[in-house]
Amino acid sequence: MQIADQTGNTIVLPGPARRIVSLVPSQTELLYDLGLEQEVVGITRFCIYPDHWYRNKTRVGGTKDFDTDRIRALKPDLILANKEENTQKGIQELMKEFPVWVSDI
């Protein structure tokens, strides 16, 4: 499966994502609304909705200061990020190891 994100980057996935890390609160809420309870394995400390995800999902740090080692330990097959919410340097580092889909406002 090949998709383009909102910044023009192409992401290649072997199939539907089964282990997702969201680095963006609004994307986390969307994932919840889509019913992806089992697929989302990591969120940021700012992803406070839904409340039970905040209490039970692994938190990987903040939107700008996420913990790459903690993300790596979750073995994500997709990371959701945002051009404005996350730092370019941090996202570029994650892209070296993981498919990262970046939204743009």
PDB file of N, CA and C in Angstrom:
ATOM      1  N   MET A   1       0.854  -1.163   0.000  1.00  0.00           N
ATOM      2  CA  MET A   1       0.000   0.000   0.000  1.00  0.00           C
ATOM      3  C   MET A   1       0.907   1.234   0.000  1.00  0.00           C
ATOM      4  N   GLN A   2       0.652   2.131  -0.902  1.00  0.00           N
ATOM      5  CA  GLN A   2       1.441   3.354  -1.014  1.00  0.00           C
ATOM      6  C   GLN A   2       0.509   4.552  -0.929  1.00  0.00           C
ATOM      7  N   ILE A   3       0.819   5.468   0.006  1.00  0.00           N
ATOM      8  CA  ILE A   3      -0.006   6.661   0.167  1.00  0.00           C
ATOM      9  C   ILE A   3       0.889   7.882   0.294  1.00  0.00           C
ATOM     10  N   ALA A   4       0.348   9.028  -0.065  1.00  0.00           N
ATOM     11  CA  ALA A   4       1.074  10.286   0.087  1.00  0.00           C
ATOM     12  C   ALA A   4       0.477  11.040   1.256  1.00  0.00           C
ATOM     13  N   ASP A   5       1.348  11.631   2.081  1.00  0.00           N
ATOM     14  CA  ASP A   5       0.830  12.437   3.188  1.00  0.00           C
ATOM     15  C   ASP A   5       0.547  13.848   2.700  1.00  0.00           C
ATOM     16  N   GLN A   6       0.146  14.734   3.590  1.00  0.00           N
ATOM     17  CA  GLN A   6      -0.248  16.085   3.193  1.00  0.00           C
ATOM     18  C   GLN A   6       0.937  17.009   2.920  1.00  0.00           C
ATOM     19  N   THR A   7       2.148  16.506   3.116  1.00  0.00           N
ATOM     20  CA  THR A   7       3.337  17.302   2.775  1.00  0.00           C
ATOM     21  C   THR A   7       4.021  16.766   1.520  1.00  0.00           C
ATOM     22  N   GLY A   8       3.415  15.751   0.894  1.00  0.00           N
ATOM     23  CA  GLY A   8       3.961  15.202  -0.342  1.00  0.00           C
ATOM     24  C   GLY A   8       4.878  14.003  -0.167  1.00  0.00           C
ATOM     25  N   ASN A   9       5.137  13.589   1.065  1.00  0.00           N
ATOM     26  CA  ASN A   9       5.969  12.402   1.298  1.00  0.00           C
ATOM     27  C   ASN A   9       5.163  11.147   0.972  1.00  0.00           C
ATOM     28  N   THR A  10       5.825  10.169   0.391  1.00  0.00           N
ATOM     29  CA  THR A  10       5.186   8.896   0.090  1.00  0.00           C
ATOM     30  C   THR A  10       5.509   7.901   1.188  1.00  0.00           C
ATOM     31  N   ILE A  11       4.484   7.247   1.693  1.00  0.00           N
ATOM     32  CA  ILE A  11       4.626   6.247   2.743  1.00  0.00           C
ATOM     33  C   ILE A  11       4.222   4.910   2.145  1.00  0.00           C
ATOM     34  N   VAL A  12       5.044   3.898   2.388  1.00  0.00           N
ATOM     35  CA  VAL A  12       4.747   2.557   1.894  1.00  0.00           C
ATOM     36  C   VAL A  12       4.482   1.654   3.096  1.00  0.00           C
ATOM     37  N   LEU A  13       3.335   1.008   3.075  1.00  0.00           N
ATOM     38  CA  LEU A  13       2.952   0.061   4.126  1.00  0.00           C
ATOM     39  C   LEU A  13       2.641  -1.280   3.473  1.00  0.00           C
ATOM     40  N   PRO A  14       3.029  -2.377   4.117  1.00  0.00           N
ATOM     41  CA  PRO A  14       2.726  -3.689   3.542  1.00  0.00           C
ATOM     42  C   PRO A  14       1.232  -4.032   3.590  1.00  0.00           C
ATOM     43  N   GLY A  15       0.498  -3.331   4.430  1.00  0.00           N
ATOM     44  CA  GLY A  15      -0.942  -3.554   4.578  1.00  0.00           C
ATOM     45  C   GLY A  15      -1.490  -2.556   5.565  1.00  0.00           C
ATOM     46  N   PRO A  16      -2.712  -2.768   6.037  1.00  0.00           N
ATOM     47  CA  PRO A  16      -3.271  -1.840   7.022  1.00  0.00           C
ATOM     48  C   PRO A  16      -2.390  -1.756   8.269  1.00  0.00           C
ATOM     49  N   ALA A  17      -2.265  -0.569   8.815  1.00  0.00           N
ATOM     50  CA  ALA A  17      -1.450  -0.368  10.025  1.00  0.00           C
ATOM     51  C   ALA A  17      -2.079  -1.106  11.193  1.00  0.00           C
ATOM     52  N   ARG A  18      -1.253  -1.809  11.930  1.00  0.00           N
ATOM     53  CA  ARG A  18      -1.709  -2.577  13.086  1.00  0.00           C
ATOM     54  C   ARG A  18      -1.182  -2.017  14.403  1.00  0.00           C
ATOM     55  N   ARG A  19      -0.126  -1.173  14.321  1.00  0.00           N
ATOM     56  CA  ARG A  19       0.482  -0.578  15.517  1.00  0.00           C
ATOM     57  C   ARG A  19       0.765   0.889  15.205  1.00  0.00           C
ATOM     58  N   ILE A  20      -0.106   1.763  15.697  1.00  0.00           N
ATOM     59  CA  ILE A  20      -0.043   3.186  15.363  1.00  0.00           C
ATOM     60  C   ILE A  20       0.368   3.992  16.591  1.00  0.00           C
ATOM     61  N   VAL A  21       1.282   4.946  16.373  1.00  0.00           N
ATOM     62  CA  VAL A  21       1.622   5.942  17.388  1.00  0.00           C
ATOM     63  C   VAL A  21       1.148   7.286  16.852  1.00  0.00           C
ATOM     64  N   SER A  22       0.377   7.999  17.661  1.00  0.00           N
ATOM     65  CA  SER A  22      -0.111   9.324  17.281  1.00  0.00           C
ATOM     66  C   SER A  22       0.625  10.389  18.085  1.00  0.00           C
ATOM     67  N   LEU A  23       1.233  11.317  17.378  1.00  0.00           N
ATOM     68  CA  LEU A  23       1.943  12.427  18.014  1.00  0.00           C
ATOM     69  C   LEU A  23       1.144  13.719  17.952  1.00  0.00           C
ATOM     70  N   VAL A  24      -0.154  13.600  17.661  1.00  0.00           N
ATOM     71  CA  VAL A  24      -1.010  14.770  17.473  1.00  0.00           C
ATOM     72  C   VAL A  24      -2.358  14.533  18.160  1.00  0.00           C
ATOM     73  N   PRO A  25      -2.717  15.358  19.139  1.00  0.00           N
ATOM     74  CA  PRO A  25      -3.989  15.144  19.847  1.00  0.00           C
ATOM     75  C   PRO A  25      -5.207  15.047  18.930  1.00  0.00           C
ATOM     76  N   SER A  26      -5.316  15.906  17.940  1.00  0.00           N
ATOM     77  CA  SER A  26      -6.498  15.853  17.069  1.00  0.00           C
ATOM     78  C   SER A  26      -6.527  14.565  16.255  1.00  0.00           C
ATOM     79  N   GLN A  27      -5.377  14.072  15.854  1.00  0.00           N
ATOM     80  CA  GLN A  27      -5.325  12.803  15.119  1.00  0.00           C
ATOM     81  C   GLN A  27      -5.698  11.638  16.042  1.00  0.00           C
ATOM     82  N   THR A  28      -5.288  11.732  17.308  1.00  0.00           N
ATOM     83  CA  THR A  28      -5.642  10.696  18.283  1.00  0.00           C
ATOM     84  C   THR A  28      -7.153  10.611  18.428  1.00  0.00           C
ATOM     85  N   GLU A  29      -7.822  11.760  18.510  1.00  0.00           N
ATOM     86  CA  GLU A  29      -9.276  11.771  18.629  1.00  0.00           C
ATOM     87  C   GLU A  29      -9.923  11.177  17.382  1.00  0.00           C
ATOM     88  N   LEU A  30      -9.367  11.472  16.215  1.00  0.00           N
ATOM     89  CA  LEU A  30      -9.885  10.898  14.970  1.00  0.00           C
ATOM     90  C   LEU A  30      -9.723   9.378  14.973  1.00  0.00           C
ATOM     91  N   LEU A  31      -8.567   8.895  15.389  1.00  0.00           N
ATOM     92  CA  LEU A  31      -8.338   7.449  15.455  1.00  0.00           C
ATOM     93  C   LEU A  31      -9.349   6.778  16.376  1.00  0.00           C
ATOM     94  N   TYR A  32      -9.658   7.434  17.485  1.00  0.00           N
ATOM     95  CA  TYR A  32     -10.675   6.915  18.397  1.00  0.00           C
ATOM     96  C   TYR A  32     -12.036   6.870  17.703  1.00  0.00           C
ATOM     97  N   ASP A  33     -12.401   7.967  17.042  1.00  0.00           N
ATOM     98  CA  ASP A  33     -13.691   8.025  16.348  1.00  0.00           C
ATOM     99  C   ASP A  33     -13.793   6.958  15.257  1.00  0.00           C
ATOM    100  N   LEU A  34     -12.668   6.579  14.694  1.00  0.00           N
ATOM    101  CA  LEU A  34     -12.646   5.539  13.656  1.00  0.00           C
ATOM    102  C   LEU A  34     -12.672   4.131  14.240  1.00  0.00           C
ATOM    103  N   GLY A  35     -12.652   4.030  15.559  1.00  0.00           N
ATOM    104  CA  GLY A  35     -12.742   2.727  16.208  1.00  0.00           C
ATOM    105  C   GLY A  35     -11.441   1.947  16.245  1.00  0.00           C
ATOM    106  N   LEU A  36     -10.304   2.638  16.234  1.00  0.00           N
ATOM    107  CA  LEU A  36      -9.003   1.968  16.178  1.00  0.00           C
ATOM    108  C   LEU A  36      -8.389   1.765  17.562  1.00  0.00           C
ATOM    109  N   GLU A  37      -9.196   1.313  18.486  1.00  0.00           N
ATOM    110  CA  GLU A  37      -8.774   1.081  19.870  1.00  0.00           C
ATOM    111  C   GLU A  37      -7.558   0.162  19.962  1.00  0.00           C
ATOM    112  N   GLN A  38      -7.605  -0.951  19.277  1.00  0.00           N
ATOM    113  CA  GLN A  38      -6.518  -1.936  19.365  1.00  0.00           C
ATOM    114  C   GLN A  38      -5.277  -1.505  18.596  1.00  0.00           C
ATOM    115  N   GLU A  39      -5.454  -0.771  17.518  1.00  0.00           N
ATOM    116  CA  GLU A  39      -4.337  -0.404  16.660  1.00  0.00           C
ATOM    117  C   GLU A  39      -3.453   0.699  17.250  1.00  0.00           C
ATOM    118  N   VAL A  40      -4.042   1.607  18.011  1.00  0.00           N
ATOM    119  CA  VAL A  40      -3.265   2.712  18.587  1.00  0.00           C
ATOM    120  C   VAL A  40      -2.544   2.203  19.829  1.00  0.00           C
ATOM    121  N   VAL A  41      -1.198   2.250  19.758  1.00  0.00           N
ATOM    122  CA  VAL A  41      -0.386   1.730  20.863  1.00  0.00           C
ATOM    123  C   VAL A  41       0.331   2.833  21.629  1.00  0.00           C
ATOM    124  N   GLY A  42       0.417   4.041  21.058  1.00  0.00           N
ATOM    125  CA  GLY A  42       1.103   5.126  21.729  1.00  0.00           C
ATOM    126  C   GLY A  42       0.522   6.478  21.383  1.00  0.00           C
ATOM    127  N   ILE A  43       0.526   7.378  22.382  1.00  0.00           N
ATOM    128  CA  ILE A  43       0.006   8.740  22.228  1.00  0.00           C
ATOM    129  C   ILE A  43       0.906   9.690  23.015  1.00  0.00           C
ATOM    130  N   THR A  44       0.696  10.987  22.857  1.00  0.00           N
ATOM    131  CA  THR A  44       1.475  11.959  23.630  1.00  0.00           C
ATOM    132  C   THR A  44       0.771  12.287  24.942  1.00  0.00           C
ATOM    133  N   ARG A  45       1.476  12.981  25.811  1.00  0.00           N
ATOM    134  CA  ARG A  45       0.863  13.386  27.087  1.00  0.00           C
ATOM    135  C   ARG A  45      -0.203  14.467  26.880  1.00  0.00           C
ATOM    136  N   PHE A  46      -0.266  15.038  25.689  1.00  0.00           N
ATOM    137  CA  PHE A  46      -1.284  16.034  25.381  1.00  0.00           C
ATOM    138  C   PHE A  46      -2.525  15.421  24.736  1.00  0.00           C
ATOM    139  N   CYS A  47      -2.483  14.133  24.455  1.00  0.00           N
ATOM    140  CA  CYS A  47      -3.629  13.413  23.889  1.00  0.00           C
ATOM    141  C   CYS A  47      -4.525  12.980  25.050  1.00  0.00           C
ATOM    142  N   ILE A  48      -5.323  13.921  25.537  1.00  0.00           N
ATOM    143  CA  ILE A  48      -6.096  13.669  26.762  1.00  0.00           C
ATOM    144  C   ILE A  48      -7.499  13.126  26.488  1.00  0.00           C
ATOM    145  N   TYR A  49      -7.908  13.088  25.233  1.00  0.00           N
ATOM    146  CA  TYR A  49      -9.216  12.532  24.859  1.00  0.00           C
ATOM    147  C   TYR A  49      -9.003  11.391  23.890  1.00  0.00           C
ATOM    148  N   PRO A  50      -9.688  10.313  24.028  1.00  0.00           N
ATOM    149  CA  PRO A  50     -10.599  10.011  25.116  1.00  0.00           C
ATOM    150  C   PRO A  50      -9.835   9.724  26.410  1.00  0.00           C
ATOM    151  N   ASP A  51     -10.487   9.972  27.513  1.00  0.00           N
ATOM    152  CA  ASP A  51      -9.853   9.854  28.820  1.00  0.00           C
ATOM    153  C   ASP A  51      -9.287   8.458  29.083  1.00  0.00           C
ATOM    154  N   HIS A  52     -10.019   7.418  28.706  1.00  0.00           N
ATOM    155  CA  HIS A  52      -9.512   6.070  28.982  1.00  0.00           C
ATOM    156  C   HIS A  52      -8.276   5.735  28.150  1.00  0.00           C
ATOM    157  N   TRP A  53      -8.123   6.350  26.983  1.00  0.00           N
ATOM    158  CA  TRP A  53      -6.874   6.159  26.226  1.00  0.00           C
ATOM    159  C   TRP A  53      -5.739   6.852  26.968  1.00  0.00           C
ATOM    160  N   TYR A  54      -5.997   8.063  27.446  1.00  0.00           N
ATOM    161  CA  TYR A  54      -4.960   8.801  28.171  1.00  0.00           C
ATOM    162  C   TYR A  54      -4.486   8.010  29.391  1.00  0.00           C
ATOM    163  N   ARG A  55      -5.404   7.377  30.065  1.00  0.00           N
ATOM    164  CA  ARG A  55      -5.053   6.607  31.265  1.00  0.00           C
ATOM    165  C   ARG A  55      -4.408   5.264  30.950  1.00  0.00           C
ATOM    166  N   ASN A  56      -4.704   4.682  29.785  1.00  0.00           N
ATOM    167  CA  ASN A  56      -4.281   3.312  29.523  1.00  0.00           C
ATOM    168  C   ASN A  56      -3.277   3.113  28.390  1.00  0.00           C
ATOM    169  N   LYS A  57      -3.171   4.027  27.468  1.00  0.00           N
ATOM    170  CA  LYS A  57      -2.220   3.874  26.357  1.00  0.00           C
ATOM    171  C   LYS A  57      -0.836   4.352  26.807  1.00  0.00           C
ATOM    172  N   THR A  58       0.187   3.823  26.174  1.00  0.00           N
ATOM    173  CA  THR A  58       1.552   4.260  26.465  1.00  0.00           C
ATOM    174  C   THR A  58       1.729   5.691  25.987  1.00  0.00           C
ATOM    175  N   ARG A  59       2.219   6.544  26.869  1.00  0.00           N
ATOM    176  CA  ARG A  59       2.507   7.929  26.500  1.00  0.00           C
ATOM    177  C   ARG A  59       3.979   8.031  26.131  1.00  0.00           C
ATOM    178  N   VAL A  60       4.236   8.660  24.995  1.00  0.00           N
ATOM    179  CA  VAL A  60       5.582   8.706  24.434  1.00  0.00           C
ATOM    180  C   VAL A  60       6.253  10.065  24.613  1.00  0.00           C
ATOM    181  N   GLY A  61       5.739  10.890  25.507  1.00  0.00           N
ATOM    182  CA  GLY A  61       6.280  12.228  25.720  1.00  0.00           C
ATOM    183  C   GLY A  61       5.333  13.262  25.156  1.00  0.00           C
ATOM    184  N   GLY A  62       5.898  14.423  24.814  1.00  0.00           N
ATOM    185  CA  GLY A  62       5.085  15.509  24.277  1.00  0.00           C
ATOM    186  C   GLY A  62       5.078  15.519  22.769  1.00  0.00           C
ATOM    187  N   THR A  63       4.439  16.521  22.219  1.00  0.00           N
ATOM    188  CA  THR A  63       4.376  16.631  20.763  1.00  0.00           C
ATOM    189  C   THR A  63       5.707  17.084  20.180  1.00  0.00           C
ATOM    190  N   LYS A  64       6.463  17.850  20.959  1.00  0.00           N
ATOM    191  CA  LYS A  64       7.749  18.354  20.481  1.00  0.00           C
ATOM    192  C   LYS A  64       8.942  17.652  21.130  1.00  0.00           C
ATOM    193  N   ASP A  65       8.692  16.968  22.230  1.00  0.00           N
ATOM    194  CA  ASP A  65       9.788  16.304  22.936  1.00  0.00           C
ATOM    195  C   ASP A  65       9.474  14.829  23.181  1.00  0.00           C
ATOM    196  N   PHE A  66       9.009  14.148  22.134  1.00  0.00           N
ATOM    197  CA  PHE A  66       8.667  12.738  22.276  1.00  0.00           C
ATOM    198  C   PHE A  66       9.931  11.906  22.487  1.00  0.00           C
ATOM    199  N   ASP A  67       9.730  10.766  23.102  1.00  0.00           N
ATOM    200  CA  ASP A  67      10.821   9.860  23.453  1.00  0.00           C
ATOM    201  C   ASP A  67      10.960   8.804  22.353  1.00  0.00           C
ATOM    202  N   THR A  68      11.983   8.957  21.532  1.00  0.00           N
ATOM    203  CA  THR A  68      12.190   8.056  20.399  1.00  0.00           C
ATOM    204  C   THR A  68      12.394   6.613  20.856  1.00  0.00           C
ATOM    205  N   ASP A  69      13.096   6.407  21.957  1.00  0.00           N
ATOM    206  CA  ASP A  69      13.299   5.040  22.451  1.00  0.00           C
ATOM    207  C   ASP A  69      11.986   4.403  22.874  1.00  0.00           C
ATOM    208  N   ARG A  70      11.115   5.175  23.493  1.00  0.00           N
ATOM    209  CA  ARG A  70       9.809   4.650  23.896  1.00  0.00           C
ATOM    210  C   ARG A  70       8.974   4.318  22.658  1.00  0.00           C
ATOM    211  N   ILE A  71       9.048   5.170  21.651  1.00  0.00           N
ATOM    212  CA  ILE A  71       8.340   4.893  20.394  1.00  0.00           C
ATOM    213  C   ILE A  71       8.905   3.628  19.759  1.00  0.00           C
ATOM    214  N   ARG A  72      10.197   3.530  19.690  1.00  0.00           N
ATOM    215  CA  ARG A  72      10.862   2.364  19.109  1.00  0.00           C
ATOM    216  C   ARG A  72      10.415   1.076  19.810  1.00  0.00           C
ATOM    217  N   ALA A  73      10.302   1.115  21.127  1.00  0.00           N
ATOM    218  CA  ALA A  73       9.891  -0.063  21.901  1.00  0.00           C
ATOM    219  C   ALA A  73       8.468  -0.513  21.557  1.00  0.00           C
ATOM    220  N   LEU A  74       7.627   0.412  21.095  1.00  0.00           N
ATOM    221  CA  LEU A  74       6.251   0.076  20.718  1.00  0.00           C
ATOM    222  C   LEU A  74       6.169  -0.604  19.350  1.00  0.00           C
ATOM    223  N   LYS A  75       7.256  -0.547  18.583  1.00  0.00           N
ATOM    224  CA  LYS A  75       7.320  -1.181  17.261  1.00  0.00           C
ATOM    225  C   LYS A  75       6.164  -0.743  16.346  1.00  0.00           C
ATOM    226  N   PRO A  76       6.002   0.559  16.169  1.00  0.00           N
ATOM    227  CA  PRO A  76       4.887   1.015  15.325  1.00  0.00           C
ATOM    228  C   PRO A  76       5.124   0.691  13.856  1.00  0.00           C
ATOM    229  N   ASP A  77       4.040   0.415  13.152  1.00  0.00           N
ATOM    230  CA  ASP A  77       4.154   0.287  11.703  1.00  0.00           C
ATOM    231  C   ASP A  77       3.632   1.546  11.010  1.00  0.00           C
ATOM    232  N   LEU A  78       3.163   2.524  11.825  1.00  0.00           N
ATOM    233  CA  LEU A  78       2.765   3.832  11.305  1.00  0.00           C
ATOM    234  C   LEU A  78       2.786   4.840  12.447  1.00  0.00           C
ATOM    235  N   ILE A  79       3.327   6.013  12.170  1.00  0.00           N
ATOM    236  CA  ILE A  79       3.317   7.125  13.111  1.00  0.00           C
ATOM    237  C   ILE A  79       2.591   8.285  12.440  1.00  0.00           C
ATOM    238  N   LEU A  80       1.676   8.913  13.172  1.00  0.00           N
ATOM    239  CA  LEU A  80       0.979  10.093  12.664  1.00  0.00           C
ATOM    240  C   LEU A  80       1.582  11.331  13.315  1.00  0.00           C
ATOM    241  N   ALA A  81       1.939  12.301  12.492  1.00  0.00           N
ATOM    242  CA  ALA A  81       2.558  13.534  12.972  1.00  0.00           C
ATOM    243  C   ALA A  81       1.906  14.716  12.270  1.00  0.00           C
ATOM    244  N   ASN A  82       2.324  15.926  12.652  1.00  0.00           N
ATOM    245  CA  ASN A  82       1.786  17.142  12.052  1.00  0.00           C
ATOM    246  C   ASN A  82       2.921  18.139  11.847  1.00  0.00           C
ATOM    247  N   LYS A  83       2.899  18.788  10.699  1.00  0.00           N
ATOM    248  CA  LYS A  83       3.945  19.739  10.319  1.00  0.00           C
ATOM    249  C   LYS A  83       4.112  20.864  11.335  1.00  0.00           C
ATOM    250  N   GLU A  84       3.024  21.345  11.914  1.00  0.00           N
ATOM    251  CA  GLU A  84       3.082  22.455  12.867  1.00  0.00           C
ATOM    252  C   GLU A  84       3.233  21.986  14.306  1.00  0.00           C
ATOM    253  N   GLU A  85       2.631  20.858  14.632  1.00  0.00           N
ATOM    254  CA  GLU A  85       2.588  20.377  16.009  1.00  0.00           C
ATOM    255  C   GLU A  85       3.904  19.742  16.455  1.00  0.00           C
ATOM    256  N   ASN A  86       4.579  19.082  15.543  1.00  0.00           N
ATOM    257  CA  ASN A  86       5.818  18.377  15.860  1.00  0.00           C
ATOM    258  C   ASN A  86       7.008  19.083  15.227  1.00  0.00           C
ATOM    259  N   THR A  87       8.214  18.803  15.732  1.00  0.00           N
ATOM    260  CA  THR A  87       9.398  19.453  15.170  1.00  0.00           C
ATOM    261  C   THR A  87       9.869  18.701  13.928  1.00  0.00           C
ATOM    262  N   GLN A  88      10.340  19.452  12.961  1.00  0.00           N
ATOM    263  CA  GLN A  88      10.827  18.852  11.726  1.00  0.00           C
ATOM    264  C   GLN A  88      11.984  17.901  12.006  1.00  0.00           C
ATOM    265  N   LYS A  89      12.891  18.299  12.877  1.00  0.00           N
ATOM    266  CA  LYS A  89      14.036  17.455  13.212  1.00  0.00           C
ATOM    267  C   LYS A  89      13.591  16.123  13.820  1.00  0.00           C
ATOM    268  N   GLY A  90      12.659  16.179  14.756  1.00  0.00           N
ATOM    269  CA  GLY A  90      12.167  14.958  15.387  1.00  0.00           C
ATOM    270  C   GLY A  90      11.486  14.035  14.396  1.00  0.00           C
ATOM    271  N   ILE A  91      10.670  14.598  13.524  1.00  0.00           N
ATOM    272  CA  ILE A  91       9.961  13.794  12.527  1.00  0.00           C
ATOM    273  C   ILE A  91      10.950  13.178  11.544  1.00  0.00           C
ATOM    274  N   GLN A  92      11.943  13.945  11.128  1.00  0.00           N
ATOM    275  CA  GLN A  92      12.943  13.403  10.204  1.00  0.00           C
ATOM    276  C   GLN A  92      13.708  12.236  10.824  1.00  0.00           C
ATOM    277  N   GLU A  93      13.978  12.313  12.115  1.00  0.00           N
ATOM    278  CA  GLU A  93      14.648  11.203  12.802  1.00  0.00           C
ATOM    279  C   GLU A  93      13.751   9.960  12.800  1.00  0.00           C
ATOM    280  N   LEU A  94      12.476  10.138  13.092  1.00  0.00           N
ATOM    281  CA  LEU A  94      11.556   8.996  13.088  1.00  0.00           C
ATOM    282  C   LEU A  94      11.421   8.389  11.696  1.00  0.00           C
ATOM    283  N   MET A  95      11.449   9.239  10.662  1.00  0.00           N
ATOM    284  CA  MET A  95      11.308   8.759   9.287  1.00  0.00           C
ATOM    285  C   MET A  95      12.454   7.839   8.865  1.00  0.00           C
ATOM    286  N   LYS A  96      13.567   7.907   9.548  1.00  0.00           N
ATOM    287  CA  LYS A  96      14.694   7.018   9.234  1.00  0.00           C
ATOM    288  C   LYS A  96      14.373   5.569   9.588  1.00  0.00           C
ATOM    289  N   GLU A  97      13.440   5.384  10.529  1.00  0.00           N
ATOM    290  CA  GLU A  97      13.120   4.037  11.006  1.00  0.00           C
ATOM    291  C   GLU A  97      11.692   3.594  10.753  1.00  0.00           C
ATOM    292  N   PHE A  98      10.772   4.545  10.606  1.00  0.00           N
ATOM    293  CA  PHE A  98       9.351   4.212  10.568  1.00  0.00           C
ATOM    294  C   PHE A  98       8.627   4.973   9.467  1.00  0.00           C
ATOM    295  N   PRO A  99       7.511   4.420   8.970  1.00  0.00           N
ATOM    296  CA  PRO A  99       6.643   5.216   8.096  1.00  0.00           C
ATOM    297  C   PRO A  99       5.954   6.284   8.945  1.00  0.00           C
ATOM    298  N   VAL A 100       6.089   7.533   8.533  1.00  0.00           N
ATOM    299  CA  VAL A 100       5.479   8.647   9.264  1.00  0.00           C
ATOM    300  C   VAL A 100       4.582   9.422   8.288  1.00  0.00           C
ATOM    301  N   TRP A 101       3.312   9.482   8.608  1.00  0.00           N
ATOM    302  CA  TRP A 101       2.356  10.237   7.809  1.00  0.00           C
ATOM    303  C   TRP A 101       2.190  11.601   8.466  1.00  0.00           C
ATOM    304  N   VAL A 102       2.487  12.673   7.721  1.00  0.00           N
ATOM    305  CA  VAL A 102       2.484  14.027   8.270  1.00  0.00           C
ATOM    306  C   VAL A 102       1.318  14.815   7.694  1.00  0.00           C
ATOM    307  N   SER A 103       0.495  15.360   8.590  1.00  0.00           N
ATOM    308  CA  SER A 103      -0.600  16.223   8.159  1.00  0.00           C
ATOM    309  C   SER A 103      -0.110  17.668   8.148  1.00  0.00           C
ATOM    310  N   ASP A 104      -0.813  18.484   7.380  1.00  0.00           N
ATOM    311  CA  ASP A 104      -0.503  19.904   7.278  1.00  0.00           C
ATOM    312  C   ASP A 104      -1.814  20.656   7.418  1.00  0.00           C
ATOM    313  N   ILE A 105      -1.785  21.721   8.183  1.00  0.00           N
ATOM    314  CA  ILE A 105      -3.019  22.458   8.449  1.00  0.00           C
ATOM    315  C   ILE A 105      -3.634  22.940   7.197  1.00  0.00           C
TER     316      ILE A 105
END
